[in-house]
């Protein structure tokens, strides 16, 4: 695992607790360079605010803290 993948994985693992507190979770499907594919699970999987959680929350945090070119795609 390269350094960027490890940074992304470690930070997403830290952020999972916030989703779990609301009855949801996330699964890292794939990290390909700066493209991160996630699957939201539990309450987050069917939540109407899932896109906002990914783009306005998770992606924003990764971009601010790790690399401004990171993009998260939701996988169903």
C-alpha atoms as a PDB file:
ATOM      1  CA  UNK A   1       0.000   0.000   0.000  1.00  0.00           C
ATOM      2  CA  UNK A   2       1.487   3.349  -1.003  1.00  0.00           C
ATOM      3  CA  UNK A   3       1.618   6.373   1.284  1.00  0.00           C
ATOM      4  CA  UNK A   4      -1.397   8.155  -0.262  1.00  0.00           C
ATOM      5  CA  UNK A   5      -3.568   5.032   0.002  1.00  0.00           C
ATOM      6  CA  UNK A   6      -2.544   4.575   3.621  1.00  0.00           C
ATOM      7  CA  UNK A   7      -3.326   8.200   4.490  1.00  0.00           C
ATOM      8  CA  UNK A   8      -6.758   7.943   2.829  1.00  0.00           C
ATOM      9  CA  UNK A   9      -7.536   4.580   4.442  1.00  0.00           C
ATOM     10  CA  UNK A  10      -6.422   5.700   7.906  1.00  0.00           C
ATOM     11  CA  UNK A  11      -8.462   8.919   7.759  1.00  0.00           C
ATOM     12  CA  UNK A  12     -11.593   7.157   6.495  1.00  0.00           C
ATOM     13  CA  UNK A  13     -11.264   4.614   9.302  1.00  0.00           C
ATOM     14  CA  UNK A  14     -11.213   7.499  11.790  1.00  0.00           C
ATOM     15  CA  UNK A  15     -14.288   9.073  10.166  1.00  0.00           C
ATOM     16  CA  UNK A  16     -16.287   5.811  10.187  1.00  0.00           C
ATOM     17  CA  UNK A  17     -17.203   6.298  13.850  1.00  0.00           C
ATOM     18  CA  UNK A  18     -19.341   9.314  12.919  1.00  0.00           C
ATOM     19  CA  UNK A  19     -21.321   7.282  10.405  1.00  0.00           C
ATOM     20  CA  UNK A  20     -21.591   4.377  12.839  1.00  0.00           C
ATOM     21  CA  UNK A  21     -23.022   6.732  15.471  1.00  0.00           C
ATOM     22  CA  UNK A  22     -25.957   7.333  13.106  1.00  0.00           C
ATOM     23  CA  UNK A  23     -26.477   3.643  12.333  1.00  0.00           C
ATOM     24  CA  UNK A  24     -24.422   3.612   9.146  1.00  0.00           C
ATOM     25  CA  UNK A  25     -20.975   2.685   7.976  1.00  0.00           C
ATOM     26  CA  UNK A  26     -18.708   2.800   4.945  1.00  0.00           C
ATOM     27  CA  UNK A  27     -16.761   0.250   2.975  1.00  0.00           C
ATOM     28  CA  UNK A  28     -13.696   1.191   0.955  1.00  0.00           C
ATOM     29  CA  UNK A  29     -14.258  -0.608  -2.346  1.00  0.00           C
ATOM     30  CA  UNK A  30     -11.158   0.647  -4.151  1.00  0.00           C
ATOM     31  CA  UNK A  31      -8.517   3.356  -4.056  1.00  0.00           C
ATOM     32  CA  UNK A  32      -6.995   4.062  -7.457  1.00  0.00           C
ATOM     33  CA  UNK A  33      -4.601   6.971  -7.120  1.00  0.00           C
ATOM     34  CA  UNK A  34      -6.721   9.921  -6.037  1.00  0.00           C
ATOM     35  CA  UNK A  35     -10.025   8.224  -6.899  1.00  0.00           C
ATOM     36  CA  UNK A  36     -11.695   6.624  -3.890  1.00  0.00           C
ATOM     37  CA  UNK A  37     -14.700   4.329  -4.353  1.00  0.00           C
ATOM     38  CA  UNK A  38     -16.889   3.935  -1.277  1.00  0.00           C
ATOM     39  CA  UNK A  39     -20.035   2.007  -0.456  1.00  0.00           C
ATOM     40  CA  UNK A  40     -22.238   3.460   2.250  1.00  0.00           C
ATOM     41  CA  UNK A  41     -23.931   0.867   4.421  1.00  0.00           C
ATOM     42  CA  UNK A  42     -26.686   0.631   6.988  1.00  0.00           C
ATOM     43  CA  UNK A  43     -28.697   3.782   7.558  1.00  0.00           C
ATOM     44  CA  UNK A  44     -26.254   5.751   5.371  1.00  0.00           C
ATOM     45  CA  UNK A  45     -26.817   3.458   2.381  1.00  0.00           C
ATOM     46  CA  UNK A  46     -30.384   4.604   1.839  1.00  0.00           C
ATOM     47  CA  UNK A  47     -30.131   8.080   3.287  1.00  0.00           C
ATOM     48  CA  UNK A  48     -31.314  10.922   1.032  1.00  0.00           C
ATOM     49  CA  UNK A  49     -28.328  12.950   2.243  1.00  0.00           C
ATOM     50  CA  UNK A  50     -25.731  10.337   1.207  1.00  0.00           C
ATOM     51  CA  UNK A  51     -24.358  12.477  -1.635  1.00  0.00           C
ATOM     52  CA  UNK A  52     -23.886  15.372   0.768  1.00  0.00           C
ATOM     53  CA  UNK A  53     -22.173  13.053   3.267  1.00  0.00           C
ATOM     54  CA  UNK A  54     -19.712  11.943   0.602  1.00  0.00           C
ATOM     55  CA  UNK A  55     -19.024  15.223  -1.210  1.00  0.00           C
ATOM     56  CA  UNK A  56     -19.594  17.782   1.536  1.00  0.00           C
ATOM     57  CA  UNK A  57     -18.168  15.682   4.328  1.00  0.00           C
ATOM     58  CA  UNK A  58     -15.787  12.852   3.539  1.00  0.00           C
ATOM     59  CA  UNK A  59     -14.375  14.193   0.264  1.00  0.00           C
ATOM     60  CA  UNK A  60     -13.986  17.714   1.648  1.00  0.00           C
ATOM     61  CA  UNK A  61     -12.052  16.429   4.670  1.00  0.00           C
ATOM     62  CA  UNK A  62      -9.739  14.253   2.554  1.00  0.00           C
ATOM     63  CA  UNK A  63      -9.104  17.155   0.171  1.00  0.00           C
ATOM     64  CA  UNK A  64      -8.343  19.587   2.975  1.00  0.00           C
ATOM     65  CA  UNK A  65      -6.164  17.235   4.995  1.00  0.00           C
ATOM     66  CA  UNK A  66      -4.463  15.004   2.416  1.00  0.00           C
ATOM     67  CA  UNK A  67      -4.692  16.140  -1.232  1.00  0.00           C
ATOM     68  CA  UNK A  68      -6.976  18.677  -2.963  1.00  0.00           C
ATOM     69  CA  UNK A  69      -7.404  16.411  -6.010  1.00  0.00           C
ATOM     70  CA  UNK A  70      -9.011  13.450  -4.194  1.00  0.00           C
ATOM     71  CA  UNK A  71     -12.396  12.471  -5.598  1.00  0.00           C
ATOM     72  CA  UNK A  72     -14.826  10.103  -3.916  1.00  0.00           C
ATOM     73  CA  UNK A  73     -17.326   8.105  -5.964  1.00  0.00           C
ATOM     74  CA  UNK A  74     -20.213   6.286  -4.376  1.00  0.00           C
ATOM     75  CA  UNK A  75     -20.571   2.642  -5.365  1.00  0.00           C
ATOM     76  CA  UNK A  76     -23.949   1.019  -4.913  1.00  0.00           C
END
